[in-house]
ModelCIF file with pLDDT and N, C-alpha, C, O atoms, coordinates in Angstrom:
data_MODEL
#
_entry.id   MODEL 
#
_entity.id                         1 
_entity.type                       polymer 
_entity.pdbx_number_of_molecules   1 
#
_entity_poly.entity_id                      1 
_entity_poly.type                           'polypeptide(L)' 
_entity_poly.nstd_linkage                   no 
_entity_poly.nstd_monomer                   no 
_entity_poly.pdbx_seq_one_letter_code       VPVRTEVVLREDMNLRVPLNFSQAVELLNGVRVESNC 
_entity_poly.pdbx_seq_one_letter_code_can   VPVRTEVVLREDMNLRVPLNFSQAVELLNGVRVESNC 
_entity_poly.pdbx_strand_id                 A 
#
loop_
_entity_poly_seq.entity_id 
_entity_poly_seq.num 
_entity_poly_seq.mon_id 
_entity_poly_seq.hetero 
1 1  VAL n 
1 2  PRO n 
1 3  VAL n 
1 4  ARG n 
1 5  THR n 
1 6  GLU n 
1 7  VAL n 
1 8  VAL n 
1 9  LEU n 
1 10 ARG n 
1 11 GLU n 
1 12 ASP n 
1 13 MET n 
1 14 ASN n 
1 15 LEU n 
1 16 ARG n 
1 17 VAL n 
1 18 PRO n 
1 19 LEU n 
1 20 ASN n 
1 21 PHE n 
1 22 SER n 
1 23 GLN n 
1 24 ALA n 
1 25 VAL n 
1 26 GLU n 
1 27 LEU n 
1 28 LEU n 
1 29 ASN n 
1 30 GLY n 
1 31 VAL n 
1 32 ARG n 
1 33 VAL n 
1 34 GLU n 
1 35 SER n 
1 36 ASN n 
1 37 CYS n 
#
_struct_asym.id          A 
_struct_asym.entity_id   1 
#
loop_
_ma_qa_metric.id 
_ma_qa_metric.mode 
_ma_qa_metric.name 
_ma_qa_metric.software_group_id 
_ma_qa_metric.type 
1 global pLDDT . pLDDT 
2 local  pLDDT . pLDDT 
#
_ma_qa_metric_global.metric_id      1 
_ma_qa_metric_global.metric_value   87.95 
_ma_qa_metric_global.model_id       1 
_ma_qa_metric_global.ordinal_id     1 
#
loop_
_ma_qa_metric_local.label_asym_id 
_ma_qa_metric_local.label_comp_id 
_ma_qa_metric_local.label_seq_id 
_ma_qa_metric_local.metric_id 
_ma_qa_metric_local.metric_value 
_ma_qa_metric_local.model_id 
_ma_qa_metric_local.ordinal_id 
A VAL 1  2 89.00 1 1  
A PRO 2  2 89.00 1 2  
A VAL 3  2 90.00 1 3  
A ARG 4  2 90.00 1 4  
A THR 5  2 92.00 1 5  
A GLU 6  2 92.00 1 6  
A VAL 7  2 91.00 1 7  
A VAL 8  2 89.00 1 8  
A LEU 9  2 88.00 1 9  
A ARG 10 2 86.00 1 10 
A GLU 11 2 84.00 1 11 
A ASP 12 2 82.00 1 12 
A MET 13 2 85.00 1 13 
A ASN 14 2 83.00 1 14 
A LEU 15 2 84.00 1 15 
A ARG 16 2 84.00 1 16 
A VAL 17 2 83.00 1 17 
A PRO 18 2 86.00 1 18 
A LEU 19 2 82.00 1 19 
A ASN 20 2 85.00 1 20 
A PHE 21 2 86.00 1 21 
A SER 22 2 86.00 1 22 
A GLN 23 2 87.00 1 23 
A ALA 24 2 87.00 1 24 
A VAL 25 2 89.00 1 25 
A GLU 26 2 87.00 1 26 
A LEU 27 2 84.00 1 27 
A LEU 28 2 91.00 1 28 
A ASN 29 2 94.00 1 29 
A GLY 30 2 94.00 1 30 
A VAL 31 2 93.00 1 31 
A ARG 32 2 92.00 1 32 
A VAL 33 2 91.00 1 33 
A GLU 34 2 90.00 1 34 
A SER 35 2 89.00 1 35 
A ASN 36 2 89.00 1 36 
A CYS 37 2 91.00 1 37 
#
loop_
_atom_site.group_PDB 
_atom_site.id 
_atom_site.type_symbol 
_atom_site.label_atom_id 
_atom_site.label_alt_id 
_atom_site.label_comp_id 
_atom_site.label_asym_id 
_atom_site.label_entity_id 
_atom_site.label_seq_id 
_atom_site.pdbx_PDB_ins_code 
_atom_site.Cartn_x 
_atom_site.Cartn_y 
_atom_site.Cartn_z 
_atom_site.occupancy 
_atom_site.B_iso_or_equiv 
_atom_site.pdbx_formal_charge 
_atom_site.auth_seq_id 
_atom_site.auth_comp_id 
_atom_site.auth_asym_id 
_atom_site.auth_atom_id 
_atom_site.pdbx_PDB_model_num 
ATOM 1   N N  . VAL A 1 1  ? 108.962 -7.603  129.024 1.00 89.00 ? 1  VAL A N  1 
ATOM 2   C CA . VAL A 1 1  ? 108.166 -8.810  128.866 1.00 89.00 ? 1  VAL A CA 1 
ATOM 3   C C  . VAL A 1 1  ? 107.850 -9.388  130.246 1.00 89.00 ? 1  VAL A C  1 
ATOM 4   O O  . VAL A 1 1  ? 108.755 -9.533  131.068 1.00 89.00 ? 1  VAL A O  1 
ATOM 5   N N  . PRO A 1 2  ? 106.589 -9.720  130.518 1.00 89.00 ? 2  PRO A N  1 
ATOM 6   C CA . PRO A 1 2  ? 106.210 -10.170 131.861 1.00 89.00 ? 2  PRO A CA 1 
ATOM 7   C C  . PRO A 1 2  ? 106.623 -11.605 132.179 1.00 89.00 ? 2  PRO A C  1 
ATOM 8   O O  . PRO A 1 2  ? 106.551 -12.021 133.336 1.00 89.00 ? 2  PRO A O  1 
ATOM 9   N N  . VAL A 1 3  ? 107.052 -12.365 131.178 1.00 90.00 ? 3  VAL A N  1 
ATOM 10  C CA . VAL A 1 3  ? 107.488 -13.749 131.379 1.00 90.00 ? 3  VAL A CA 1 
ATOM 11  C C  . VAL A 1 3  ? 108.975 -13.821 131.064 1.00 90.00 ? 3  VAL A C  1 
ATOM 12  O O  . VAL A 1 3  ? 109.412 -13.372 130.003 1.00 90.00 ? 3  VAL A O  1 
ATOM 13  N N  . ARG A 1 4  ? 109.744 -14.379 131.974 1.00 90.00 ? 4  ARG A N  1 
ATOM 14  C CA . ARG A 1 4  ? 111.203 -14.395 131.819 1.00 90.00 ? 4  ARG A CA 1 
ATOM 15  C C  . ARG A 1 4  ? 111.611 -15.032 130.498 1.00 90.00 ? 4  ARG A C  1 
ATOM 16  O O  . ARG A 1 4  ? 111.197 -16.147 130.180 1.00 90.00 ? 4  ARG A O  1 
ATOM 17  N N  . THR A 1 5  ? 112.422 -14.315 129.733 1.00 92.00 ? 5  THR A N  1 
ATOM 18  C CA . THR A 1 5  ? 112.919 -14.776 128.439 1.00 92.00 ? 5  THR A CA 1 
ATOM 19  C C  . THR A 1 5  ? 114.435 -14.625 128.412 1.00 92.00 ? 5  THR A C  1 
ATOM 20  O O  . THR A 1 5  ? 114.964 -13.561 128.736 1.00 92.00 ? 5  THR A O  1 
ATOM 21  N N  . GLU A 1 6  ? 115.127 -15.686 128.027 1.00 92.00 ? 6  GLU A N  1 
ATOM 22  C CA . GLU A 1 6  ? 116.580 -15.653 127.907 1.00 92.00 ? 6  GLU A CA 1 
ATOM 23  C C  . GLU A 1 6  ? 116.961 -15.671 126.431 1.00 92.00 ? 6  GLU A C  1 
ATOM 24  O O  . GLU A 1 6  ? 116.275 -16.284 125.612 1.00 92.00 ? 6  GLU A O  1 
ATOM 25  N N  . VAL A 1 7  ? 118.060 -14.995 126.100 1.00 91.00 ? 7  VAL A N  1 
ATOM 26  C CA . VAL A 1 7  ? 118.412 -14.769 124.703 1.00 91.00 ? 7  VAL A CA 1 
ATOM 27  C C  . VAL A 1 7  ? 119.884 -15.096 124.471 1.00 91.00 ? 7  VAL A C  1 
ATOM 28  O O  . VAL A 1 7  ? 120.745 -14.757 125.282 1.00 91.00 ? 7  VAL A O  1 
ATOM 29  N N  . VAL A 1 8  ? 120.156 -15.761 123.345 1.00 89.00 ? 8  VAL A N  1 
ATOM 30  C CA . VAL A 1 8  ? 121.514 -15.894 122.825 1.00 89.00 ? 8  VAL A CA 1 
ATOM 31  C C  . VAL A 1 8  ? 121.564 -15.124 121.514 1.00 89.00 ? 8  VAL A C  1 
ATOM 32  O O  . VAL A 1 8  ? 120.882 -15.486 120.555 1.00 89.00 ? 8  VAL A O  1 
ATOM 33  N N  . LEU A 1 9  ? 122.363 -14.069 121.464 1.00 88.00 ? 9  LEU A N  1 
ATOM 34  C CA . LEU A 1 9  ? 122.463 -13.236 120.275 1.00 88.00 ? 9  LEU A CA 1 
ATOM 35  C C  . LEU A 1 9  ? 123.419 -13.842 119.247 1.00 88.00 ? 9  LEU A C  1 
ATOM 36  O O  . LEU A 1 9  ? 124.257 -14.682 119.576 1.00 88.00 ? 9  LEU A O  1 
ATOM 37  N N  . ARG A 1 10 ? 123.277 -13.404 118.014 1.00 86.00 ? 10 ARG A N  1 
ATOM 38  C CA . ARG A 1 10 ? 124.171 -13.861 116.958 1.00 86.00 ? 10 ARG A CA 1 
ATOM 39  C C  . ARG A 1 10 ? 125.623 -13.513 117.288 1.00 86.00 ? 10 ARG A C  1 
ATOM 40  O O  . ARG A 1 10 ? 126.536 -14.264 116.945 1.00 86.00 ? 10 ARG A O  1 
ATOM 41  N N  . GLU A 1 11 ? 125.837 -12.370 117.954 1.00 84.00 ? 11 GLU A N  1 
ATOM 42  C CA . GLU A 1 11 ? 127.193 -11.986 118.336 1.00 84.00 ? 11 GLU A CA 1 
ATOM 43  C C  . GLU A 1 11 ? 127.805 -12.997 119.310 1.00 84.00 ? 11 GLU A C  1 
ATOM 44  O O  . GLU A 1 11 ? 128.998 -13.294 119.238 1.00 84.00 ? 11 GLU A O  1 
ATOM 45  N N  . ASP A 1 12 ? 126.978 -13.524 120.223 1.00 82.00 ? 12 ASP A N  1 
ATOM 46  C CA . ASP A 1 12 ? 127.467 -14.559 121.132 1.00 82.00 ? 12 ASP A CA 1 
ATOM 47  C C  . ASP A 1 12 ? 127.882 -15.805 120.360 1.00 82.00 ? 12 ASP A C  1 
ATOM 48  O O  . ASP A 1 12 ? 128.921 -16.407 120.631 1.00 82.00 ? 12 ASP A O  1 
ATOM 49  N N  . MET A 1 13 ? 127.048 -16.179 119.393 1.00 85.00 ? 13 MET A N  1 
ATOM 50  C CA . MET A 1 13 ? 127.337 -17.383 118.617 1.00 85.00 ? 13 MET A CA 1 
ATOM 51  C C  . MET A 1 13 ? 128.587 -17.201 117.764 1.00 85.00 ? 13 MET A C  1 
ATOM 52  O O  . MET A 1 13 ? 129.404 -18.115 117.657 1.00 85.00 ? 13 MET A O  1 
ATOM 53  N N  . ASN A 1 14 ? 128.738 -16.025 117.156 1.00 83.00 ? 14 ASN A N  1 
ATOM 54  C CA . ASN A 1 14 ? 129.923 -15.772 116.325 1.00 83.00 ? 14 ASN A CA 1 
ATOM 55  C C  . ASN A 1 14 ? 131.204 -15.883 117.140 1.00 83.00 ? 14 ASN A C  1 
ATOM 56  O O  . ASN A 1 14 ? 132.227 -16.352 116.642 1.00 83.00 ? 14 ASN A O  1 
ATOM 57  N N  . LEU A 1 15 ? 131.145 -15.455 118.375 1.00 84.00 ? 15 LEU A N  1 
ATOM 58  C CA . LEU A 1 15 ? 132.340 -15.428 119.210 1.00 84.00 ? 15 LEU A CA 1 
ATOM 59  C C  . LEU A 1 15 ? 132.888 -16.828 119.446 1.00 84.00 ? 15 LEU A C  1 
ATOM 60  O O  . LEU A 1 15 ? 134.104 -17.017 119.446 1.00 84.00 ? 15 LEU A O  1 
ATOM 61  N N  . ARG A 1 16 ? 131.998 -17.831 119.653 1.00 84.00 ? 16 ARG A N  1 
ATOM 62  C CA . ARG A 1 16 ? 132.439 -19.175 120.010 1.00 84.00 ? 16 ARG A CA 1 
ATOM 63  C C  . ARG A 1 16 ? 132.363 -20.152 118.841 1.00 84.00 ? 16 ARG A C  1 
ATOM 64  O O  . ARG A 1 16 ? 132.676 -21.331 119.008 1.00 84.00 ? 16 ARG A O  1 
ATOM 65  N N  . VAL A 1 17 ? 131.956 -19.691 117.672 1.00 83.00 ? 17 VAL A N  1 
ATOM 66  C CA . VAL A 1 17 ? 131.967 -20.455 116.431 1.00 83.00 ? 17 VAL A CA 1 
ATOM 67  C C  . VAL A 1 17 ? 131.269 -21.815 116.582 1.00 83.00 ? 17 VAL A C  1 
ATOM 68  O O  . VAL A 1 17 ? 131.874 -22.842 116.274 1.00 83.00 ? 17 VAL A O  1 
ATOM 69  N N  . PRO A 1 18 ? 130.009 -21.848 117.048 1.00 86.00 ? 18 PRO A N  1 
ATOM 70  C CA . PRO A 1 18 ? 129.294 -23.126 117.043 1.00 86.00 ? 18 PRO A CA 1 
ATOM 71  C C  . PRO A 1 18 ? 128.888 -23.485 115.611 1.00 86.00 ? 18 PRO A C  1 
ATOM 72  O O  . PRO A 1 18 ? 128.501 -22.612 114.834 1.00 86.00 ? 18 PRO A O  1 
ATOM 73  N N  . LEU A 1 19 ? 128.978 -24.764 115.272 1.00 82.00 ? 19 LEU A N  1 
ATOM 74  C CA . LEU A 1 19 ? 128.620 -25.187 113.922 1.00 82.00 ? 19 LEU A CA 1 
ATOM 75  C C  . LEU A 1 19 ? 127.120 -25.278 113.728 1.00 82.00 ? 19 LEU A C  1 
ATOM 76  O O  . LEU A 1 19 ? 126.630 -25.124 112.609 1.00 82.00 ? 19 LEU A O  1 
ATOM 77  N N  . ASN A 1 20 ? 126.377 -25.528 114.811 1.00 85.00 ? 20 ASN A N  1 
ATOM 78  C CA . ASN A 1 20 ? 124.954 -25.780 114.673 1.00 85.00 ? 20 ASN A CA 1 
ATOM 79  C C  . ASN A 1 20 ? 124.223 -25.384 115.943 1.00 85.00 ? 20 ASN A C  1 
ATOM 80  O O  . ASN A 1 20 ? 124.825 -24.952 116.926 1.00 85.00 ? 20 ASN A O  1 
ATOM 81  N N  . PHE A 1 21 ? 122.915 -25.543 115.894 1.00 86.00 ? 21 PHE A N  1 
ATOM 82  C CA . PHE A 1 21 ? 122.057 -25.146 117.011 1.00 86.00 ? 21 PHE A CA 1 
ATOM 83  C C  . PHE A 1 21 ? 122.426 -25.853 118.308 1.00 86.00 ? 21 PHE A C  1 
ATOM 84  O O  . PHE A 1 21 ? 122.420 -25.226 119.368 1.00 86.00 ? 21 PHE A O  1 
ATOM 85  N N  . SER A 1 22 ? 122.750 -27.157 118.251 1.00 86.00 ? 22 SER A N  1 
ATOM 86  C CA . SER A 1 22 ? 123.006 -27.917 119.475 1.00 86.00 ? 22 SER A CA 1 
ATOM 87  C C  . SER A 1 22 ? 124.205 -27.373 120.236 1.00 86.00 ? 22 SER A C  1 
ATOM 88  O O  . SER A 1 22 ? 124.256 -27.493 121.460 1.00 86.00 ? 22 SER A O  1 
ATOM 89  N N  . GLN A 1 23 ? 125.167 -26.780 119.544 1.00 87.00 ? 23 GLN A N  1 
ATOM 90  C CA . GLN A 1 23 ? 126.323 -26.188 120.210 1.00 87.00 ? 23 GLN A CA 1 
ATOM 91  C C  . GLN A 1 23 ? 126.029 -24.769 120.687 1.00 87.00 ? 23 GLN A C  1 
ATOM 92  O O  . GLN A 1 23 ? 126.571 -24.330 121.701 1.00 87.00 ? 23 GLN A O  1 
ATOM 93  N N  . ALA A 1 24 ? 125.179 -24.056 119.966 1.00 87.00 ? 24 ALA A N  1 
ATOM 94  C CA . ALA A 1 24 ? 124.883 -22.661 120.328 1.00 87.00 ? 24 ALA A CA 1 
ATOM 95  C C  . ALA A 1 24 ? 124.026 -22.567 121.582 1.00 87.00 ? 24 ALA A C  1 
ATOM 96  O O  . ALA A 1 24 ? 124.227 -21.668 122.398 1.00 87.00 ? 24 ALA A O  1 
ATOM 97  N N  . VAL A 1 25 ? 123.071 -23.484 121.750 1.00 89.00 ? 25 VAL A N  1 
ATOM 98  C CA . VAL A 1 25 ? 122.116 -23.362 122.854 1.00 89.00 ? 25 VAL A CA 1 
ATOM 99  C C  . VAL A 1 25 ? 122.779 -23.626 124.199 1.00 89.00 ? 25 VAL A C  1 
ATOM 100 O O  . VAL A 1 25 ? 122.239 -23.230 125.232 1.00 89.00 ? 25 VAL A O  1 
ATOM 101 N N  . GLU A 1 26 ? 123.937 -24.286 124.213 1.00 87.00 ? 26 GLU A N  1 
ATOM 102 C CA . GLU A 1 26 ? 124.615 -24.582 125.469 1.00 87.00 ? 26 GLU A CA 1 
ATOM 103 C C  . GLU A 1 26 ? 125.234 -23.350 126.115 1.00 87.00 ? 26 GLU A C  1 
ATOM 104 O O  . GLU A 1 26 ? 125.791 -23.440 127.209 1.00 87.00 ? 26 GLU A O  1 
ATOM 105 N N  . LEU A 1 27 ? 125.142 -22.191 125.445 1.00 84.00 ? 27 LEU A N  1 
ATOM 106 C CA . LEU A 1 27 ? 125.656 -20.959 126.037 1.00 84.00 ? 27 LEU A CA 1 
ATOM 107 C C  . LEU A 1 27 ? 124.787 -20.469 127.186 1.00 84.00 ? 27 LEU A C  1 
ATOM 108 O O  . LEU A 1 27 ? 125.203 -19.582 127.931 1.00 84.00 ? 27 LEU A O  1 
ATOM 109 N N  . LEU A 1 28 ? 123.575 -21.031 127.348 1.00 91.00 ? 28 LEU A N  1 
ATOM 110 C CA . LEU A 1 28 ? 122.643 -20.568 128.369 1.00 91.00 ? 28 LEU A CA 1 
ATOM 111 C C  . LEU A 1 28 ? 122.717 -21.425 129.621 1.00 91.00 ? 28 LEU A C  1 
ATOM 112 O O  . LEU A 1 28 ? 122.869 -22.645 129.550 1.00 91.00 ? 28 LEU A O  1 
ATOM 113 N N  . ASN A 1 29 ? 122.609 -20.768 130.765 1.00 94.00 ? 29 ASN A N  1 
ATOM 114 C CA . ASN A 1 29 ? 122.571 -21.457 132.041 1.00 94.00 ? 29 ASN A CA 1 
ATOM 115 C C  . ASN A 1 29 ? 121.298 -22.303 132.139 1.00 94.00 ? 29 ASN A C  1 
ATOM 116 O O  . ASN A 1 29 ? 120.223 -21.862 131.731 1.00 94.00 ? 29 ASN A O  1 
ATOM 117 N N  . GLY A 1 30 ? 121.422 -23.511 132.678 1.00 94.00 ? 30 GLY A N  1 
ATOM 118 C CA . GLY A 1 30 ? 120.265 -24.376 132.856 1.00 94.00 ? 30 GLY A CA 1 
ATOM 119 C C  . GLY A 1 30 ? 119.824 -25.101 131.609 1.00 94.00 ? 30 GLY A C  1 
ATOM 120 O O  . GLY A 1 30 ? 118.840 -25.841 131.646 1.00 94.00 ? 30 GLY A O  1 
ATOM 121 N N  . VAL A 1 31 ? 120.532 -24.909 130.492 1.00 93.00 ? 31 VAL A N  1 
ATOM 122 C CA . VAL A 1 31 ? 120.225 -25.607 129.241 1.00 93.00 ? 31 VAL A CA 1 
ATOM 123 C C  . VAL A 1 31 ? 121.369 -26.571 128.970 1.00 93.00 ? 31 VAL A C  1 
ATOM 124 O O  . VAL A 1 31 ? 122.532 -26.165 128.965 1.00 93.00 ? 31 VAL A O  1 
ATOM 125 N N  . ARG A 1 32 ? 121.053 -27.840 128.746 1.00 92.00 ? 32 ARG A N  1 
ATOM 126 C CA . ARG A 1 32 ? 122.069 -28.864 128.585 1.00 92.00 ? 32 ARG A CA 1 
ATOM 127 C C  . ARG A 1 32 ? 121.766 -29.727 127.397 1.00 92.00 ? 32 ARG A C  1 
ATOM 128 O O  . ARG A 1 32 ? 120.618 -30.115 127.185 1.00 92.00 ? 32 ARG A O  1 
ATOM 129 N N  . VAL A 1 33 ? 122.800 -30.042 126.599 1.00 91.00 ? 33 VAL A N  1 
ATOM 130 C CA . VAL A 1 33 ? 122.657 -30.973 125.480 1.00 91.00 ? 33 VAL A CA 1 
ATOM 131 C C  . VAL A 1 33 ? 123.329 -32.281 125.881 1.00 91.00 ? 33 VAL A C  1 
ATOM 132 O O  . VAL A 1 33 ? 124.520 -32.310 126.188 1.00 91.00 ? 33 VAL A O  1 
ATOM 133 N N  . GLU A 1 34 ? 122.555 -33.357 125.874 1.00 90.00 ? 34 GLU A N  1 
ATOM 134 C CA . GLU A 1 34 ? 123.032 -34.673 126.313 1.00 90.00 ? 34 GLU A CA 1 
ATOM 135 C C  . GLU A 1 34 ? 123.090 -35.626 125.137 1.00 90.00 ? 34 GLU A C  1 
ATOM 136 O O  . GLU A 1 34 ? 122.138 -35.720 124.361 1.00 90.00 ? 34 GLU A O  1 
ATOM 137 N N  . SER A 1 35 ? 124.206 -36.335 125.000 1.00 89.00 ? 35 SER A N  1 
ATOM 138 C CA . SER A 1 35 ? 124.321 -37.386 123.988 1.00 89.00 ? 35 SER A CA 1 
ATOM 139 C C  . SER A 1 35 ? 123.657 -38.647 124.508 1.00 89.00 ? 35 SER A C  1 
ATOM 140 O O  . SER A 1 35 ? 123.786 -38.980 125.687 1.00 89.00 ? 35 SER A O  1 
ATOM 141 N N  . ASN A 1 36 ? 122.943 -39.354 123.632 1.00 89.00 ? 36 ASN A N  1 
ATOM 142 C CA . ASN A 1 36 ? 122.190 -40.528 124.054 1.00 89.00 ? 36 ASN A CA 1 
ATOM 143 C C  . ASN A 1 36 ? 122.602 -41.808 123.350 1.00 89.00 ? 36 ASN A C  1 
ATOM 144 O O  . ASN A 1 36 ? 121.973 -42.845 123.564 1.00 89.00 ? 36 ASN A O  1 
ATOM 145 N N  . CYS A 1 37 ? 123.639 -41.776 122.517 1.00 91.00 ? 37 CYS A N  1 
ATOM 146 C CA . CYS A 1 37 ? 124.015 -42.990 121.805 1.00 91.00 ? 37 CYS A CA 1 
ATOM 147 C C  . CYS A 1 37 ? 125.498 -42.950 121.454 1.00 91.00 ? 37 CYS A C  1 
ATOM 148 O O  . CYS A 1 37 ? 126.015 -43.888 120.847 1.00 91.00 ? 37 CYS A O  1 
#
């Protein structure tokens, strides 16, 4: 693919048992989930 694409596989998610998307996406460098309230 000519445009950089980063991937989190289901195997990665299974390993760390995230309950939802907000916990799974934090496995990537440069991606941050911030609480606002």
